Amino acid sequence: MKAIFTSLCIICFTITSAQNFDAGLIGGFCTSQVSGDNLSGYNKLGSRFGAYISYPINKKMSYQLEMQYLQKGSKKPYTENSPETYLFELNYIELPTTLNYQVKKGIYIESGLGTAFLIGYKEQDEMADINTDKPNTLALDFLLGVQYEFKKNLKLNIRYANSISRIRKHASEQELGLNSGQFSSLVSFAFIYQISR
């Protein structure tokens, strides 16, 4: 984890010397769920941190590329009425690319795609680890969000992400139309700190 964060910082500081580019750091958390696992609710909390570079296309629009560590998955917490627990955690290195459009001063809408590479996962219930099908190594998500600049060089980013590619097949391996397996959805809240310009 340390090596990943160090690499992100080096990339970010290197980019700041390039003309016309903005660069900065991203840090926050996300809450997620997995469709197709017979659970509901954004109960799985995870981390989101990384770095970004941004290139202006015109006065209103910019292209943004990120590299970040992202956790998502599914969780059934313990309750007195339902003591069974479940945890499915997916750890990714993600490369989101978005187009950002300035709606008005300090407010931006973003939309794009996130390509993620699985670097680790775990699945367990209240008893022990569960041995099931391994998730796919590559994930592709649709991204939609908003950025609010509430202070110079500091923004709040709220982003929704939904799987385009499935995480893995159903345990039964059955496919019915669009219901071809397990898919993730995620909402993240992060601060974006611009360190260039």
N, C-alpha and C. Protein backbone atom coordinates (compact mmCIF):
# COMPACT_ATOMS: atom_id res chain seq x y z
N MET A 1 0.82 -1.20 0.00
CA MET A 1 0.00 0.00 0.00
C MET A 1 0.86 1.26 0.00
N LYS A 2 1.93 1.22 0.80
CA LYS A 2 2.85 2.36 0.86
C LYS A 2 3.47 2.64 -0.50
N ALA A 3 3.85 1.56 -1.19
CA ALA A 3 4.49 1.70 -2.50
C ALA A 3 3.53 2.35 -3.49
N ILE A 4 2.25 1.98 -3.43
CA ILE A 4 1.25 2.55 -4.33
C ILE A 4 1.11 4.04 -4.08
N PHE A 5 1.00 4.42 -2.79
CA PHE A 5 0.82 5.83 -2.45
C PHE A 5 2.04 6.65 -2.85
N THR A 6 3.22 6.11 -2.63
CA THR A 6 4.45 6.80 -3.00
C THR A 6 4.53 7.03 -4.50
N SER A 7 4.16 6.00 -5.27
CA SER A 7 4.17 6.11 -6.73
C SER A 7 3.20 7.18 -7.20
N LEU A 8 2.02 7.23 -6.59
CA LEU A 8 1.03 8.24 -6.96
C LEU A 8 1.56 9.64 -6.71
N CYS A 9 2.19 9.84 -5.58
CA CYS A 9 2.74 11.16 -5.25
C CYS A 9 3.84 11.57 -6.23
N ILE A 10 4.72 10.64 -6.59
CA ILE A 10 5.80 10.94 -7.54
C ILE A 10 5.23 11.35 -8.89
N ILE A 11 4.23 10.59 -9.36
CA ILE A 11 3.58 10.90 -10.65
C ILE A 11 2.97 12.29 -10.60
N CYS A 12 2.26 12.55 -9.50
CA CYS A 12 1.56 13.82 -9.35
C CYS A 12 2.51 15.00 -9.34
N PHE A 13 3.57 14.93 -8.57
CA PHE A 13 4.53 16.03 -8.48
C PHE A 13 5.31 16.22 -9.77
N THR A 14 5.53 15.13 -10.50
CA THR A 14 6.22 15.23 -11.78
C THR A 14 5.38 15.99 -12.79
N ILE A 15 4.07 15.69 -12.79
CA ILE A 15 3.16 16.31 -13.75
C ILE A 15 3.03 17.82 -13.51
N THR A 16 3.17 18.25 -12.26
CA THR A 16 2.97 19.66 -11.95
C THR A 16 3.93 20.58 -12.71
N SER A 17 5.03 20.04 -13.16
CA SER A 17 6.00 20.86 -13.89
C SER A 17 5.62 21.03 -15.36
N ALA A 18 4.67 20.23 -15.83
CA ALA A 18 4.26 20.31 -17.24
C ALA A 18 3.32 21.49 -17.43
N GLN A 19 3.44 22.17 -18.56
CA GLN A 19 2.60 23.32 -18.86
C GLN A 19 1.19 22.87 -19.21
N ASN A 20 0.20 23.70 -18.85
CA ASN A 20 -1.21 23.50 -19.17
C ASN A 20 -1.88 22.35 -18.41
N PHE A 21 -1.16 21.64 -17.58
CA PHE A 21 -1.74 20.55 -16.81
C PHE A 21 -1.98 20.99 -15.37
N ASP A 22 -3.10 20.53 -14.82
CA ASP A 22 -3.33 20.62 -13.38
C ASP A 22 -3.11 19.23 -12.80
N ALA A 23 -2.72 19.17 -11.55
CA ALA A 23 -2.52 17.87 -10.91
C ALA A 23 -2.82 18.00 -9.43
N GLY A 24 -3.15 16.89 -8.81
CA GLY A 24 -3.47 16.94 -7.40
C GLY A 24 -3.69 15.57 -6.79
N LEU A 25 -4.15 15.57 -5.55
CA LEU A 25 -4.36 14.35 -4.78
C LEU A 25 -5.84 14.17 -4.47
N ILE A 26 -6.24 12.92 -4.32
CA ILE A 26 -7.63 12.56 -4.04
C ILE A 26 -7.66 11.69 -2.79
N GLY A 27 -8.58 11.96 -1.87
CA GLY A 27 -8.70 11.13 -0.68
C GLY A 27 -10.12 11.14 -0.15
N GLY A 28 -10.65 9.97 0.17
CA GLY A 28 -12.00 9.90 0.70
C GLY A 28 -12.43 8.48 0.98
N PHE A 29 -13.73 8.27 0.96
CA PHE A 29 -14.28 6.95 1.23
C PHE A 29 -15.43 6.66 0.29
N CYS A 30 -15.85 5.41 0.24
CA CYS A 30 -16.97 5.03 -0.61
C CYS A 30 -17.85 4.02 0.12
N THR A 31 -19.07 3.91 -0.33
CA THR A 31 -20.01 2.94 0.18
C THR A 31 -20.62 2.21 -1.01
N SER A 32 -20.70 0.88 -0.93
CA SER A 32 -21.04 0.10 -2.12
C SER A 32 -21.91 -1.10 -1.80
N GLN A 33 -22.46 -1.68 -2.87
CA GLN A 33 -23.23 -2.91 -2.78
C GLN A 33 -23.00 -3.72 -4.04
N VAL A 34 -23.41 -4.99 -4.02
CA VAL A 34 -23.29 -5.88 -5.17
C VAL A 34 -24.67 -6.43 -5.49
N SER A 35 -25.12 -6.23 -6.71
CA SER A 35 -26.39 -6.82 -7.13
C SER A 35 -26.15 -8.27 -7.52
N GLY A 36 -27.13 -9.11 -7.20
CA GLY A 36 -27.00 -10.53 -7.53
C GLY A 36 -26.47 -11.37 -6.39
N ASP A 37 -26.30 -10.76 -5.19
CA ASP A 37 -25.81 -11.54 -4.04
C ASP A 37 -26.90 -11.74 -2.98
N ASN A 38 -28.15 -11.41 -3.35
CA ASN A 38 -29.31 -11.58 -2.45
C ASN A 38 -29.25 -10.68 -1.22
N LEU A 39 -28.46 -9.62 -1.29
CA LEU A 39 -28.42 -8.62 -0.22
C LEU A 39 -28.79 -7.27 -0.82
N SER A 40 -29.08 -6.31 0.04
CA SER A 40 -29.37 -4.97 -0.45
C SER A 40 -28.82 -3.95 0.54
N GLY A 41 -28.54 -2.77 0.04
CA GLY A 41 -28.03 -1.70 0.90
C GLY A 41 -26.56 -1.43 0.68
N TYR A 42 -26.20 -0.15 0.72
CA TYR A 42 -24.80 0.27 0.55
C TYR A 42 -24.09 0.17 1.91
N ASN A 43 -23.87 -1.07 2.33
CA ASN A 43 -23.33 -1.32 3.67
C ASN A 43 -21.82 -1.51 3.72
N LYS A 44 -21.18 -1.66 2.56
CA LYS A 44 -19.74 -1.90 2.53
C LYS A 44 -18.99 -0.57 2.40
N LEU A 45 -18.26 -0.22 3.44
CA LEU A 45 -17.44 0.99 3.41
C LEU A 45 -16.04 0.65 2.90
N GLY A 46 -15.45 1.58 2.18
CA GLY A 46 -14.11 1.34 1.66
C GLY A 46 -13.36 2.65 1.46
N SER A 47 -12.10 2.54 1.08
CA SER A 47 -11.23 3.69 0.88
C SER A 47 -11.15 4.07 -0.59
N ARG A 48 -10.89 5.33 -0.82
CA ARG A 48 -10.58 5.82 -2.17
C ARG A 48 -9.49 6.88 -2.03
N PHE A 49 -8.32 6.62 -2.59
CA PHE A 49 -7.28 7.64 -2.58
C PHE A 49 -6.37 7.47 -3.78
N GLY A 50 -5.82 8.57 -4.25
CA GLY A 50 -4.95 8.50 -5.42
C GLY A 50 -4.51 9.88 -5.87
N ALA A 51 -4.28 10.02 -7.16
CA ALA A 51 -3.82 11.28 -7.75
C ALA A 51 -4.46 11.46 -9.11
N TYR A 52 -4.42 12.69 -9.60
CA TYR A 52 -5.05 12.98 -10.90
C TYR A 52 -4.23 14.01 -11.67
N ILE A 53 -4.45 14.01 -12.97
CA ILE A 53 -3.99 15.11 -13.82
C ILE A 53 -5.18 15.56 -14.66
N SER A 54 -5.22 16.83 -14.97
CA SER A 54 -6.34 17.40 -15.72
C SER A 54 -5.81 18.33 -16.79
N TYR A 55 -6.41 18.23 -17.98
CA TYR A 55 -5.98 19.07 -19.11
C TYR A 55 -7.18 19.84 -19.62
N PRO A 56 -7.10 21.17 -19.69
CA PRO A 56 -8.24 21.97 -20.17
C PRO A 56 -8.45 21.83 -21.68
N ILE A 57 -9.69 21.53 -22.07
CA ILE A 57 -10.06 21.47 -23.49
C ILE A 57 -10.48 22.86 -23.97
N ASN A 58 -11.27 23.53 -23.15
CA ASN A 58 -11.63 24.92 -23.37
C ASN A 58 -11.94 25.55 -22.01
N LYS A 59 -12.56 26.73 -22.01
CA LYS A 59 -12.79 27.44 -20.75
C LYS A 59 -13.74 26.69 -19.82
N LYS A 60 -14.62 25.90 -20.39
CA LYS A 60 -15.65 25.22 -19.60
C LYS A 60 -15.39 23.74 -19.37
N MET A 61 -14.59 23.13 -20.22
CA MET A 61 -14.45 21.67 -20.19
C MET A 61 -13.00 21.24 -20.03
N SER A 62 -12.81 20.13 -19.31
CA SER A 62 -11.47 19.58 -19.14
C SER A 62 -11.52 18.05 -19.15
N TYR A 63 -10.38 17.47 -19.48
CA TYR A 63 -10.23 16.01 -19.48
C TYR A 63 -9.42 15.63 -18.24
N GLN A 64 -9.91 14.66 -17.47
CA GLN A 64 -9.24 14.27 -16.24
C GLN A 64 -8.89 12.79 -16.23
N LEU A 65 -7.67 12.48 -15.87
CA LEU A 65 -7.20 11.11 -15.73
C LEU A 65 -6.75 10.90 -14.30
N GLU A 66 -7.21 9.82 -13.69
CA GLU A 66 -6.86 9.52 -12.30
C GLU A 66 -6.19 8.15 -12.21
N MET A 67 -5.46 7.98 -11.13
CA MET A 67 -4.95 6.66 -10.73
C MET A 67 -5.21 6.55 -9.25
N GLN A 68 -6.02 5.55 -8.86
CA GLN A 68 -6.43 5.50 -7.46
C GLN A 68 -6.60 4.07 -6.96
N TYR A 69 -6.47 3.96 -5.64
CA TYR A 69 -6.78 2.71 -4.94
C TYR A 69 -8.23 2.79 -4.50
N LEU A 70 -8.99 1.74 -4.78
CA LEU A 70 -10.43 1.77 -4.53
C LEU A 70 -10.89 0.44 -3.93
N GLN A 71 -11.68 0.54 -2.87
CA GLN A 71 -12.27 -0.65 -2.25
C GLN A 71 -13.78 -0.64 -2.44
N LYS A 72 -14.33 -1.76 -2.84
CA LYS A 72 -15.79 -1.88 -2.92
C LYS A 72 -16.20 -3.32 -2.67
N GLY A 73 -17.50 -3.57 -2.67
CA GLY A 73 -17.96 -4.92 -2.41
C GLY A 73 -19.33 -4.93 -1.79
N SER A 74 -19.53 -5.87 -0.86
CA SER A 74 -20.84 -6.07 -0.25
C SER A 74 -20.66 -6.53 1.19
N LYS A 75 -21.65 -6.16 2.03
CA LYS A 75 -21.55 -6.55 3.44
C LYS A 75 -22.92 -6.71 4.06
N LYS A 76 -23.06 -7.74 4.86
CA LYS A 76 -24.25 -7.91 5.69
C LYS A 76 -23.78 -7.80 7.14
N PRO A 77 -24.11 -6.70 7.81
CA PRO A 77 -23.64 -6.52 9.19
C PRO A 77 -24.41 -7.39 10.17
N TYR A 78 -23.83 -7.55 11.33
CA TYR A 78 -24.48 -8.32 12.40
C TYR A 78 -25.63 -7.53 13.00
N THR A 79 -26.74 -8.21 13.23
CA THR A 79 -27.85 -7.64 14.00
C THR A 79 -28.36 -8.73 14.94
N GLU A 80 -29.04 -8.33 16.00
CA GLU A 80 -29.55 -9.31 16.96
C GLU A 80 -30.57 -10.24 16.32
N ASN A 81 -31.37 -9.69 15.41
CA ASN A 81 -32.40 -10.49 14.76
C ASN A 81 -31.84 -11.37 13.64
N SER A 82 -30.66 -11.00 13.16
CA SER A 82 -30.05 -11.77 12.06
C SER A 82 -28.53 -11.81 12.29
N PRO A 83 -28.08 -12.75 13.11
CA PRO A 83 -26.65 -12.79 13.50
C PRO A 83 -25.70 -13.23 12.40
N GLU A 84 -26.23 -13.78 11.30
CA GLU A 84 -25.35 -14.19 10.20
C GLU A 84 -24.72 -12.96 9.55
N THR A 85 -23.43 -13.03 9.31
CA THR A 85 -22.74 -11.91 8.67
C THR A 85 -22.12 -12.37 7.34
N TYR A 86 -21.80 -11.38 6.51
CA TYR A 86 -21.19 -11.68 5.21
C TYR A 86 -20.34 -10.49 4.80
N LEU A 87 -19.16 -10.76 4.24
CA LEU A 87 -18.28 -9.70 3.74
C LEU A 87 -17.66 -10.14 2.42
N PHE A 88 -17.80 -9.29 1.42
CA PHE A 88 -17.18 -9.50 0.12
C PHE A 88 -16.45 -8.21 -0.22
N GLU A 89 -15.12 -8.22 -0.10
CA GLU A 89 -14.31 -7.02 -0.30
C GLU A 89 -13.43 -7.17 -1.52
N LEU A 90 -13.49 -6.15 -2.38
CA LEU A 90 -12.71 -6.12 -3.62
C LEU A 90 -11.77 -4.92 -3.58
N ASN A 91 -10.49 -5.16 -3.83
CA ASN A 91 -9.49 -4.09 -3.83
C ASN A 91 -8.95 -3.90 -5.25
N TYR A 92 -9.06 -2.66 -5.72
CA TYR A 92 -8.68 -2.37 -7.11
C TYR A 92 -7.68 -1.23 -7.19
N ILE A 93 -6.89 -1.25 -8.26
CA ILE A 93 -6.21 -0.06 -8.77
C ILE A 93 -7.02 0.37 -9.99
N GLU A 94 -7.57 1.57 -9.91
CA GLU A 94 -8.49 2.03 -10.96
C GLU A 94 -7.90 3.23 -11.71
N LEU A 95 -8.19 3.27 -13.01
CA LEU A 95 -7.77 4.39 -13.86
C LEU A 95 -9.03 5.05 -14.45
N PRO A 96 -9.65 5.95 -13.71
CA PRO A 96 -10.83 6.65 -14.23
C PRO A 96 -10.44 7.74 -15.22
N THR A 97 -11.22 7.88 -16.26
CA THR A 97 -11.07 9.00 -17.20
C THR A 97 -12.42 9.68 -17.32
N THR A 98 -12.43 10.99 -17.11
CA THR A 98 -13.70 11.72 -17.15
C THR A 98 -13.58 13.02 -17.95
N LEU A 99 -14.72 13.46 -18.47
CA LEU A 99 -14.85 14.80 -19.01
C LEU A 99 -15.58 15.62 -17.96
N ASN A 100 -15.00 16.75 -17.61
CA ASN A 100 -15.57 17.62 -16.57
C ASN A 100 -16.06 18.91 -17.20
N TYR A 101 -17.32 19.26 -16.89
CA TYR A 101 -17.92 20.46 -17.47
C TYR A 101 -18.32 21.42 -16.36
N GLN A 102 -17.89 22.67 -16.48
CA GLN A 102 -18.20 23.68 -15.49
C GLN A 102 -19.61 24.23 -15.73
N VAL A 103 -20.53 23.93 -14.80
CA VAL A 103 -21.91 24.39 -14.92
C VAL A 103 -21.99 25.87 -14.56
N LYS A 104 -21.37 26.23 -13.46
CA LYS A 104 -21.19 27.62 -13.06
C LYS A 104 -19.97 27.70 -12.16
N LYS A 105 -19.63 28.87 -11.72
CA LYS A 105 -18.39 29.03 -10.97
C LYS A 105 -18.35 28.09 -9.76
N GLY A 106 -17.33 27.24 -9.72
CA GLY A 106 -17.12 26.34 -8.60
C GLY A 106 -17.87 25.03 -8.65
N ILE A 107 -18.74 24.83 -9.65
CA ILE A 107 -19.52 23.60 -9.75
C ILE A 107 -19.25 22.92 -11.09
N TYR A 108 -18.88 21.65 -11.03
CA TYR A 108 -18.52 20.88 -12.23
C TYR A 108 -19.28 19.55 -12.24
N ILE A 109 -19.70 19.14 -13.42
CA ILE A 109 -20.28 17.81 -13.61
C ILE A 109 -19.25 16.95 -14.32
N GLU A 110 -19.12 15.71 -13.89
CA GLU A 110 -18.14 14.79 -14.49
C GLU A 110 -18.84 13.51 -14.96
N SER A 111 -18.34 12.97 -16.06
CA SER A 111 -18.86 11.70 -16.56
C SER A 111 -17.76 11.00 -17.33
N GLY A 112 -17.70 9.67 -17.19
CA GLY A 112 -16.65 8.93 -17.90
C GLY A 112 -16.67 7.45 -17.58
N LEU A 113 -15.50 6.84 -17.73
CA LEU A 113 -15.35 5.41 -17.52
C LEU A 113 -14.20 5.14 -16.55
N GLY A 114 -14.35 4.08 -15.79
CA GLY A 114 -13.28 3.65 -14.89
C GLY A 114 -12.84 2.24 -15.24
N THR A 115 -11.57 2.08 -15.56
CA THR A 115 -11.00 0.75 -15.82
C THR A 115 -10.19 0.35 -14.59
N ALA A 116 -10.56 -0.80 -14.00
CA ALA A 116 -9.94 -1.20 -12.74
C ALA A 116 -9.33 -2.58 -12.83
N PHE A 117 -8.25 -2.76 -12.07
CA PHE A 117 -7.53 -4.03 -12.04
C PHE A 117 -7.55 -4.58 -10.61
N LEU A 118 -8.07 -5.79 -10.47
CA LEU A 118 -8.20 -6.40 -9.15
C LEU A 118 -6.83 -6.77 -8.60
N ILE A 119 -6.53 -6.29 -7.38
CA ILE A 119 -5.24 -6.62 -6.76
C ILE A 119 -5.41 -7.49 -5.52
N GLY A 120 -6.66 -7.71 -5.11
CA GLY A 120 -6.91 -8.57 -3.95
C GLY A 120 -8.38 -8.60 -3.61
N TYR A 121 -8.80 -9.64 -2.94
CA TYR A 121 -10.19 -9.73 -2.49
C TYR A 121 -10.30 -10.72 -1.35
N LYS A 122 -11.40 -10.62 -0.62
CA LYS A 122 -11.71 -11.62 0.40
C LYS A 122 -13.22 -11.77 0.51
N GLU A 123 -13.65 -12.97 0.86
CA GLU A 123 -15.07 -13.26 1.02
C GLU A 123 -15.22 -14.18 2.23
N GLN A 124 -16.04 -13.77 3.18
CA GLN A 124 -16.17 -14.55 4.40
C GLN A 124 -17.54 -14.35 5.04
N ASP A 125 -17.95 -15.34 5.81
CA ASP A 125 -19.16 -15.22 6.61
C ASP A 125 -18.77 -15.21 8.08
N GLU A 126 -19.75 -15.41 8.97
CA GLU A 126 -19.46 -15.34 10.40
C GLU A 126 -18.59 -16.48 10.89
N MET A 127 -18.42 -17.51 10.07
CA MET A 127 -17.66 -18.68 10.47
C MET A 127 -16.21 -18.66 9.96
N ALA A 128 -16.07 -18.41 8.66
CA ALA A 128 -14.73 -18.52 8.05
C ALA A 128 -14.73 -17.93 6.65
N ASP A 129 -13.57 -18.03 5.99
CA ASP A 129 -13.48 -17.61 4.59
C ASP A 129 -14.34 -18.52 3.72
N ILE A 130 -14.85 -17.94 2.65
CA ILE A 130 -15.69 -18.69 1.71
C ILE A 130 -14.91 -18.90 0.42
N ASN A 131 -14.87 -20.12 -0.05
CA ASN A 131 -14.20 -20.42 -1.31
C ASN A 131 -15.24 -20.47 -2.44
N THR A 132 -15.31 -19.39 -3.19
CA THR A 132 -16.23 -19.31 -4.32
C THR A 132 -15.45 -18.89 -5.56
N ASP A 133 -16.17 -18.64 -6.63
CA ASP A 133 -15.51 -18.24 -7.87
C ASP A 133 -14.74 -16.94 -7.68
N LYS A 134 -13.54 -16.90 -8.22
CA LYS A 134 -12.72 -15.70 -8.13
C LYS A 134 -13.32 -14.59 -9.00
N PRO A 135 -13.34 -13.35 -8.51
CA PRO A 135 -13.84 -12.23 -9.33
C PRO A 135 -12.95 -12.03 -10.56
N ASN A 136 -13.53 -11.41 -11.58
CA ASN A 136 -12.77 -11.09 -12.78
C ASN A 136 -11.66 -10.09 -12.46
N THR A 137 -10.54 -10.26 -13.11
CA THR A 137 -9.39 -9.40 -12.86
C THR A 137 -9.61 -7.97 -13.36
N LEU A 138 -10.36 -7.84 -14.45
CA LEU A 138 -10.59 -6.53 -15.06
C LEU A 138 -12.04 -6.10 -14.83
N ALA A 139 -12.23 -4.83 -14.46
CA ALA A 139 -13.57 -4.29 -14.24
C ALA A 139 -13.72 -2.97 -15.00
N LEU A 140 -14.92 -2.74 -15.53
CA LEU A 140 -15.21 -1.51 -16.26
C LEU A 140 -16.47 -0.90 -15.68
N ASP A 141 -16.39 0.38 -15.27
CA ASP A 141 -17.51 1.07 -14.63
C ASP A 141 -17.89 2.33 -15.38
N PHE A 142 -19.19 2.66 -15.33
CA PHE A 142 -19.67 3.96 -15.78
C PHE A 142 -19.63 4.92 -14.60
N LEU A 143 -19.15 6.14 -14.83
CA LEU A 143 -18.97 7.12 -13.75
C LEU A 143 -19.80 8.38 -14.01
N LEU A 144 -20.41 8.88 -12.95
CA LEU A 144 -21.15 10.15 -13.04
C LEU A 144 -21.02 10.85 -11.69
N GLY A 145 -20.64 12.12 -11.72
CA GLY A 145 -20.45 12.79 -10.45
C GLY A 145 -20.48 14.30 -10.54
N VAL A 146 -20.22 14.92 -9.41
CA VAL A 146 -20.18 16.38 -9.32
C VAL A 146 -19.00 16.79 -8.46
N GLN A 147 -18.39 17.91 -8.81
CA GLN A 147 -17.30 18.49 -8.03
C GLN A 147 -17.70 19.90 -7.61
N TYR A 148 -17.46 20.20 -6.32
CA TYR A 148 -17.78 21.52 -5.80
C TYR A 148 -16.53 22.14 -5.18
N GLU A 149 -16.07 23.24 -5.76
CA GLU A 149 -14.88 23.93 -5.26
C GLU A 149 -15.31 24.92 -4.18
N PHE A 150 -15.15 24.52 -2.91
CA PHE A 150 -15.59 25.37 -1.81
C PHE A 150 -14.47 26.24 -1.25
N LYS A 151 -13.25 25.97 -1.70
CA LYS A 151 -12.09 26.75 -1.29
C LYS A 151 -11.06 26.66 -2.41
N LYS A 152 -10.22 27.67 -2.52
CA LYS A 152 -9.22 27.66 -3.59
C LYS A 152 -8.38 26.38 -3.53
N ASN A 153 -8.31 25.68 -4.66
CA ASN A 153 -7.53 24.45 -4.82
C ASN A 153 -8.10 23.25 -4.04
N LEU A 154 -9.31 23.38 -3.51
CA LEU A 154 -9.89 22.27 -2.74
C LEU A 154 -11.34 22.05 -3.17
N LYS A 155 -11.64 20.81 -3.59
CA LYS A 155 -12.98 20.46 -4.06
C LYS A 155 -13.53 19.26 -3.29
N LEU A 156 -14.86 19.21 -3.21
CA LEU A 156 -15.55 18.02 -2.74
C LEU A 156 -16.10 17.29 -3.96
N ASN A 157 -15.81 16.00 -4.06
CA ASN A 157 -16.26 15.19 -5.19
C ASN A 157 -17.22 14.11 -4.70
N ILE A 158 -18.41 14.09 -5.28
CA ILE A 158 -19.38 13.01 -5.03
C ILE A 158 -19.56 12.28 -6.35
N ARG A 159 -19.32 10.97 -6.33
CA ARG A 159 -19.32 10.20 -7.58
C ARG A 159 -20.11 8.89 -7.44
N TYR A 160 -20.91 8.62 -8.46
CA TYR A 160 -21.62 7.34 -8.55
C TYR A 160 -20.94 6.50 -9.62
N ALA A 161 -20.76 5.22 -9.32
CA ALA A 161 -20.15 4.29 -10.28
C ALA A 161 -20.98 3.02 -10.34
N ASN A 162 -21.20 2.52 -11.55
CA ASN A 162 -21.95 1.28 -11.72
C ASN A 162 -21.24 0.38 -12.74
N SER A 163 -21.21 -0.90 -12.43
CA SER A 163 -20.50 -1.85 -13.29
C SER A 163 -21.10 -1.91 -14.69
N ILE A 164 -20.23 -1.90 -15.68
CA ILE A 164 -20.62 -2.24 -17.04
C ILE A 164 -20.31 -3.71 -17.28
N SER A 165 -19.15 -4.14 -16.81
CA SER A 165 -18.78 -5.55 -16.88
C SER A 165 -19.10 -6.20 -15.53
N ARG A 166 -19.46 -7.46 -15.54
CA ARG A 166 -19.82 -8.14 -14.30
C ARG A 166 -18.58 -8.46 -13.46
N ILE A 167 -18.79 -8.54 -12.15
CA ILE A 167 -17.72 -8.92 -11.25
C ILE A 167 -17.37 -10.40 -11.45
N ARG A 168 -18.43 -11.22 -11.53
CA ARG A 168 -18.29 -12.65 -11.76
C ARG A 168 -19.67 -13.22 -12.07
N LYS A 169 -19.72 -14.47 -12.47
CA LYS A 169 -20.98 -15.14 -12.75
C LYS A 169 -21.72 -15.42 -11.44
N HIS A 170 -23.03 -15.70 -11.57
CA HIS A 170 -23.78 -16.19 -10.42
C HIS A 170 -23.21 -17.55 -10.01
N ALA A 171 -23.37 -17.90 -8.74
CA ALA A 171 -22.89 -19.20 -8.26
C ALA A 171 -23.53 -20.34 -9.05
N SER A 172 -24.79 -20.16 -9.48
CA SER A 172 -25.50 -21.18 -10.26
C SER A 172 -25.06 -21.20 -11.72
N GLU A 173 -24.30 -20.13 -12.13
CA GLU A 173 -23.85 -19.94 -13.51
C GLU A 173 -25.00 -19.72 -14.49
N GLN A 174 -26.19 -19.44 -13.96
CA GLN A 174 -27.34 -19.15 -14.83
C GLN A 174 -27.29 -17.71 -15.30
N GLU A 175 -27.76 -17.48 -16.51
CA GLU A 175 -27.85 -16.14 -17.08
C GLU A 175 -29.24 -15.94 -17.63
N LEU A 176 -29.87 -14.80 -17.26
CA LEU A 176 -31.21 -14.51 -17.71
C LEU A 176 -31.27 -13.08 -18.20
N GLY A 177 -31.16 -12.89 -19.51
CA GLY A 177 -31.16 -11.55 -20.08
C GLY A 177 -30.00 -10.73 -19.57
N LEU A 178 -30.33 -9.53 -19.03
CA LEU A 178 -29.30 -8.64 -18.49
C LEU A 178 -28.77 -9.14 -17.14
N ASN A 179 -29.49 -10.05 -16.53
CA ASN A 179 -29.06 -10.61 -15.24
C ASN A 179 -28.06 -11.74 -15.48
N SER A 180 -26.84 -11.35 -15.83
CA SER A 180 -25.83 -12.33 -16.24
C SER A 180 -24.78 -12.60 -15.17
N GLY A 181 -24.96 -12.00 -13.99
CA GLY A 181 -23.98 -12.21 -12.94
C GLY A 181 -24.07 -11.14 -11.87
N GLN A 182 -22.98 -10.97 -11.12
CA GLN A 182 -22.92 -9.97 -10.06
C GLN A 182 -22.30 -8.67 -10.58
N PHE A 183 -22.93 -7.56 -10.22
CA PHE A 183 -22.48 -6.24 -10.63
C PHE A 183 -22.40 -5.34 -9.39
N SER A 184 -21.53 -4.37 -9.43
CA SER A 184 -21.37 -3.48 -8.27
C SER A 184 -21.90 -2.09 -8.57
N SER A 185 -22.33 -1.42 -7.52
CA SER A 185 -22.66 0.01 -7.60
C SER A 185 -22.04 0.67 -6.37
N LEU A 186 -21.63 1.92 -6.54
CA LEU A 186 -20.81 2.58 -5.52
C LEU A 186 -21.09 4.08 -5.52
N VAL A 187 -21.07 4.66 -4.32
CA VAL A 187 -21.10 6.11 -4.17
C VAL A 187 -19.88 6.50 -3.35
N SER A 188 -19.09 7.43 -3.87
CA SER A 188 -17.88 7.84 -3.16
C SER A 188 -17.92 9.33 -2.83
N PHE A 189 -17.27 9.67 -1.73
CA PHE A 189 -17.16 11.05 -1.26
C PHE A 189 -15.67 11.31 -1.02
N ALA A 190 -15.14 12.29 -1.73
CA ALA A 190 -13.69 12.52 -1.63
C ALA A 190 -13.36 14.00 -1.75
N PHE A 191 -12.22 14.36 -1.16
CA PHE A 191 -11.66 15.70 -1.33
C PHE A 191 -10.61 15.64 -2.43
N ILE A 192 -10.62 16.64 -3.28
CA ILE A 192 -9.63 16.76 -4.35
C ILE A 192 -8.80 18.02 -4.08
N TYR A 193 -7.51 17.81 -3.88
CA TYR A 193 -6.61 18.93 -3.59
C TYR A 193 -5.70 19.18 -4.78
N GLN A 194 -5.81 20.35 -5.38
CA GLN A 194 -4.98 20.70 -6.53
C GLN A 194 -3.66 21.27 -6.04
N ILE A 195 -2.56 20.65 -6.45
CA ILE A 195 -1.25 21.10 -5.96
C ILE A 195 -0.45 21.85 -7.01
N SER A 196 -0.97 21.92 -8.24
CA SER A 196 -0.29 22.70 -9.28
C SER A 196 -1.02 23.98 -9.54
N ARG A 197 -0.35 24.91 -10.22
CA ARG A 197 -0.88 26.24 -10.54
C ARG A 197 -1.15 27.03 -9.30
